[in-house]
């Protein structure tokens, strides 16, 4: 189930980014080509309306940011201030990390809850009740976006969906940390799906950054000897 959710999360972020890139590119090309007095082509381009492109891409970036934030919690790529944590070891360090994760769960959970209530009252309730032929009561239809004229509750749905997913990711990290004592980390030099042969004696920039972070984080509170037992050195890597 988690693997499916991970793939879906990655697909949503990648798809939103790809669509936004294509729309922006086509819109810019259309804008510049429309300025050239080319018989037939200019009139054809001017008949096209790309006034919606900016609003559409803003909506895509909002959704991308919310789901990307959840992805960041899962993979450990969020920037954090960990000066105090790096000075602690053992139980004190673990307790402080768990407190931080609990704060993340509470914050994202509240944002998701209040976001869901806002979306429901901002037009979703009216649309849902109308769809099933029920009395809408005091609920109103809700505003629409200026250019695309989409119901704004659809746009704002990114807030509760992304926040609840982020809350779930914080819970995942909490459980994982309580079992292993390690937080998710991101290898800055690794590109997924790209396997290149390299000299084992050459340390890549991303690997050096990752090793530096491991040292800075004091090997999750363990000594170098304890860390080496659970994280043996690669056999093809020389000191």
Protein backbone atom coordinates (compact mmCIF):
# COMPACT_ATOMS: atom_id res chain seq x y z
CA UNK A 1 0.00 0.00 0.00
CA UNK A 2 2.78 2.40 0.91
CA UNK A 3 4.63 1.60 -2.31
CA UNK A 4 1.52 2.42 -4.32
CA UNK A 5 1.07 5.68 -2.41
CA UNK A 6 4.73 6.55 -2.95
CA UNK A 7 4.46 6.02 -6.69
CA UNK A 8 1.21 7.96 -6.87
CA UNK A 9 2.77 10.83 -4.95
CA UNK A 10 5.79 10.91 -7.25
CA UNK A 11 3.59 10.64 -10.35
CA UNK A 12 1.39 13.56 -9.26
CA UNK A 13 4.37 15.84 -8.61
CA UNK A 14 6.13 14.85 -11.84
CA UNK A 15 2.95 15.15 -13.94
CA UNK A 16 2.10 18.59 -12.54
CA UNK A 17 5.65 19.78 -13.20
CA UNK A 18 5.63 18.41 -16.74
CA UNK A 19 2.25 19.93 -17.62
CA UNK A 20 3.23 23.32 -16.17
CA UNK A 21 6.50 23.31 -18.12
CA UNK A 22 4.76 22.51 -21.41
CA UNK A 23 2.02 25.10 -20.91
CA UNK A 24 4.49 27.84 -19.98
CA UNK A 25 6.71 27.01 -22.97
CA UNK A 26 3.82 27.01 -25.44
CA UNK A 27 2.43 30.24 -23.96
CA UNK A 28 5.77 32.05 -24.26
CA UNK A 29 6.34 30.83 -27.83
CA UNK A 30 2.80 31.89 -28.75
CA UNK A 31 3.34 35.34 -27.25
CA UNK A 32 6.55 35.99 -29.17
CA UNK A 33 5.43 34.55 -32.50
CA UNK A 34 2.23 36.59 -32.34
CA UNK A 35 4.36 39.73 -32.57
CA UNK A 36 5.73 38.86 -36.01
CA UNK A 37 3.72 40.04 -39.01
CA UNK A 38 3.63 36.73 -40.83
CA UNK A 39 0.65 36.52 -43.19
CA UNK A 40 -1.80 33.87 -42.10
CA UNK A 41 0.27 32.69 -39.13
CA UNK A 42 -0.14 35.87 -37.08
CA UNK A 43 -3.92 35.93 -37.51
CA UNK A 44 -4.10 32.24 -36.60
CA UNK A 45 -2.04 32.78 -33.45
CA UNK A 46 -3.98 35.86 -32.39
CA UNK A 47 -7.19 33.86 -32.59
CA UNK A 48 -5.80 31.58 -29.89
CA UNK A 49 -6.50 32.59 -26.31
CA UNK A 50 -3.71 31.77 -23.84
CA UNK A 51 -4.90 34.21 -21.20
CA UNK A 52 -5.69 31.26 -18.95
CA UNK A 53 -2.15 29.87 -19.00
CA UNK A 54 -0.78 31.93 -16.11
CA UNK A 55 -3.67 31.12 -13.78
CA UNK A 56 -3.54 27.46 -14.76
CA UNK A 57 0.18 27.21 -14.01
CA UNK A 58 -0.26 28.97 -10.65
CA UNK A 59 -2.84 26.34 -9.71
CA UNK A 60 -0.49 23.56 -10.80
CA UNK A 61 2.35 25.02 -8.73
CA UNK A 62 0.11 25.22 -5.65
CA UNK A 63 -0.76 21.53 -5.98
CA UNK A 64 2.85 20.70 -6.78
CA UNK A 65 4.06 22.50 -3.64
CA UNK A 66 1.62 20.72 -1.31
CA UNK A 67 2.33 17.22 -2.60
CA UNK A 68 6.02 18.01 -2.98
CA UNK A 69 6.14 18.97 0.70
CA UNK A 70 4.80 15.54 1.63
CA UNK A 71 7.39 13.94 -0.63
CA UNK A 72 10.06 16.01 1.12
CA UNK A 73 9.06 14.67 4.54
CA UNK A 74 9.26 11.09 3.28
CA UNK A 75 12.67 11.50 1.65
CA UNK A 76 14.24 13.87 4.19
CA UNK A 77 14.99 16.76 1.82
CA UNK A 78 13.43 19.52 3.92
CA UNK A 79 15.83 22.06 5.37
CA UNK A 80 15.99 21.93 9.17
CA UNK A 81 17.78 23.77 11.98
CA UNK A 82 19.49 20.93 13.83
CA UNK A 83 22.30 22.65 15.74
CA UNK A 84 20.89 21.65 19.13
CA UNK A 85 20.00 18.12 18.02
CA UNK A 86 23.54 17.51 16.78
CA UNK A 87 24.90 18.42 20.22
CA UNK A 88 22.78 15.73 21.89
CA UNK A 89 23.11 11.96 21.91
CA UNK A 90 21.11 8.96 22.99
CA UNK A 91 17.74 9.37 24.67
CA UNK A 92 17.85 13.18 24.76
CA UNK A 93 18.41 13.40 21.02
CA UNK A 94 15.69 10.84 20.25
CA UNK A 95 13.18 12.59 22.52
CA UNK A 96 13.81 15.98 20.92
CA UNK A 97 13.43 14.54 17.43
CA UNK A 98 10.17 12.85 18.38
CA UNK A 99 8.86 16.12 19.82
CA UNK A 100 9.65 17.84 16.54
CA UNK A 101 7.88 15.11 14.58
CA UNK A 102 4.83 15.32 16.85
CA UNK A 103 4.71 19.06 16.22
CA UNK A 104 4.79 18.32 12.50
CA UNK A 105 1.91 15.87 12.85
CA UNK A 106 -0.20 18.30 14.88
CA UNK A 107 0.49 21.28 12.62
CA UNK A 108 -0.18 19.51 9.31
CA UNK A 109 -3.20 17.74 10.80
CA UNK A 110 -4.75 21.04 11.90
CA UNK A 111 -4.01 22.67 8.54
CA UNK A 112 -5.62 19.71 6.81
CA UNK A 113 -8.68 19.82 9.09
CA UNK A 114 -9.26 23.57 8.78
CA UNK A 115 -8.51 23.38 5.06
CA UNK A 116 -11.10 20.65 4.61
CA UNK A 117 -13.73 22.68 6.48
CA UNK A 118 -12.94 25.73 4.36
CA UNK A 119 -13.20 23.75 1.11
CA UNK A 120 -16.48 22.17 2.25
CA UNK A 121 -18.06 25.51 3.10
CA UNK A 122 -16.60 27.33 0.09
CA UNK A 123 -18.66 25.49 -2.50
CA UNK A 124 -17.98 21.79 -2.15
CA UNK A 125 -20.97 21.27 0.13
CA UNK A 126 -23.27 23.05 -2.34
CA UNK A 127 -21.97 21.01 -5.28
CA UNK A 128 -22.16 17.71 -3.40
CA UNK A 129 -25.67 18.26 -2.04
CA UNK A 130 -26.90 19.51 -5.41
CA UNK A 131 -25.43 16.45 -7.14
CA UNK A 132 -27.47 14.12 -4.93
CA UNK A 133 -30.60 16.30 -5.11
CA UNK A 134 -30.46 17.29 -1.44
CA UNK A 135 -31.37 20.62 0.12
CA UNK A 136 -28.31 22.91 0.11
CA UNK A 137 -29.53 24.88 3.12
CA UNK A 138 -27.24 27.80 3.98
CA UNK A 139 -24.42 26.57 1.76
CA UNK A 140 -23.62 28.77 -1.23
CA UNK A 141 -22.35 27.91 -4.68
CA UNK A 142 -18.92 29.39 -4.08
CA UNK A 143 -16.70 31.67 -6.22
CA UNK A 144 -14.84 30.72 -9.39
CA UNK A 145 -11.38 31.57 -10.68
CA UNK A 146 -11.13 34.68 -12.91
CA UNK A 147 -9.80 33.15 -16.15
CA UNK A 148 -10.60 29.45 -16.11
CA UNK A 149 -13.83 29.96 -14.16
CA UNK A 150 -13.17 26.83 -12.13
CA UNK A 151 -14.79 26.49 -8.69
CA UNK A 152 -12.22 27.72 -6.20
CA UNK A 153 -12.95 24.83 -3.84
CA UNK A 154 -11.32 22.50 -6.37
CA UNK A 155 -8.18 24.65 -6.34
CA UNK A 156 -8.13 24.93 -2.55
CA UNK A 157 -8.55 21.15 -2.19
CA UNK A 158 -4.78 20.94 -2.52
CA UNK A 159 -4.48 22.30 1.03
CA UNK A 160 -6.33 19.52 2.93
CA UNK A 161 -5.18 16.74 0.60
CA UNK A 162 -1.53 17.75 0.69
CA UNK A 163 -1.60 18.51 4.42
CA UNK A 164 -3.18 15.19 5.38
CA UNK A 165 -0.64 13.37 3.21
CA UNK A 166 2.15 15.33 4.86
CA UNK A 167 0.72 14.44 8.29
CA UNK A 168 0.75 10.77 7.32
CA UNK A 169 4.38 11.09 6.21
CA UNK A 170 5.33 12.58 9.58
CA UNK A 171 3.67 9.61 11.28
CA UNK A 172 5.63 7.26 9.03
CA UNK A 173 8.90 8.96 9.96
CA UNK A 174 7.98 8.77 13.66
CA UNK A 175 7.37 5.03 13.50
CA UNK A 176 10.52 4.43 11.45
CA UNK A 177 12.66 6.53 13.79
CA UNK A 178 11.32 4.75 16.88
CA UNK A 179 12.31 1.40 15.35
CA UNK A 180 15.65 2.23 13.73
CA UNK A 181 16.81 5.46 15.35
CA UNK A 182 17.46 6.95 11.91
CA UNK A 183 15.80 9.75 10.00
CA UNK A 184 15.29 9.69 6.23
CA UNK A 185 18.20 11.23 4.35
CA UNK A 186 18.63 12.37 0.78
CA UNK A 187 21.70 11.68 -1.35
CA UNK A 188 22.28 14.92 -3.25
CA UNK A 189 24.48 13.20 -5.80
CA UNK A 190 22.11 10.35 -6.67
CA UNK A 191 19.82 10.51 -9.70
CA UNK A 192 17.25 7.73 -9.65
CA UNK A 193 17.37 5.55 -12.75
CA UNK A 194 20.83 6.76 -13.73
CA UNK A 195 23.58 4.20 -13.20
CA UNK A 196 26.98 5.34 -14.33
CA UNK A 197 30.21 3.44 -13.97
CA UNK A 198 32.67 5.42 -11.92
CA UNK A 199 36.08 5.07 -10.42
CA UNK A 200 35.52 3.60 -6.93
CA UNK A 201 38.40 5.73 -5.66
CA UNK A 202 36.67 8.95 -6.72
CA UNK A 203 34.27 10.47 -4.22
CA UNK A 204 31.41 12.29 -5.92
CA UNK A 205 30.27 15.69 -4.67
CA UNK A 206 26.92 14.35 -3.53
CA UNK A 207 28.57 11.48 -1.68
CA UNK A 208 30.92 13.84 0.12
CA UNK A 209 27.98 16.00 1.19
CA UNK A 210 26.11 12.94 2.39
CA UNK A 211 29.12 11.69 4.36
CA UNK A 212 29.56 15.12 5.87
CA UNK A 213 25.93 15.16 6.98
CA UNK A 214 26.34 11.71 8.55
CA UNK A 215 29.30 12.92 10.56
CA UNK A 216 27.51 16.15 11.51
CA UNK A 217 24.49 14.22 12.71
CA UNK A 218 26.82 12.07 14.84
CA UNK A 219 25.64 8.84 13.21
CA UNK A 220 22.18 9.08 14.78
CA UNK A 221 23.75 9.34 18.24
CA UNK A 222 25.98 6.29 17.82
CA UNK A 223 29.76 6.11 18.05
CA UNK A 224 31.82 5.52 14.92
CA UNK A 225 32.36 1.90 15.95
CA UNK A 226 28.65 1.27 16.56
CA UNK A 227 27.71 2.95 13.28
CA UNK A 228 30.27 0.86 11.37
CA UNK A 229 28.63 -2.37 12.59
CA UNK A 230 25.29 -1.53 10.99
CA UNK A 231 26.69 0.47 8.04
CA UNK A 232 29.70 -1.45 6.73
CA UNK A 233 31.98 0.28 4.26
CA UNK A 234 31.51 -0.54 0.60
CA UNK A 235 33.97 -3.30 -0.37
CA UNK A 236 35.09 -1.40 -3.47
CA UNK A 237 35.76 1.83 -1.61
CA UNK A 238 39.24 2.41 -0.21
CA UNK A 239 40.07 4.64 2.75
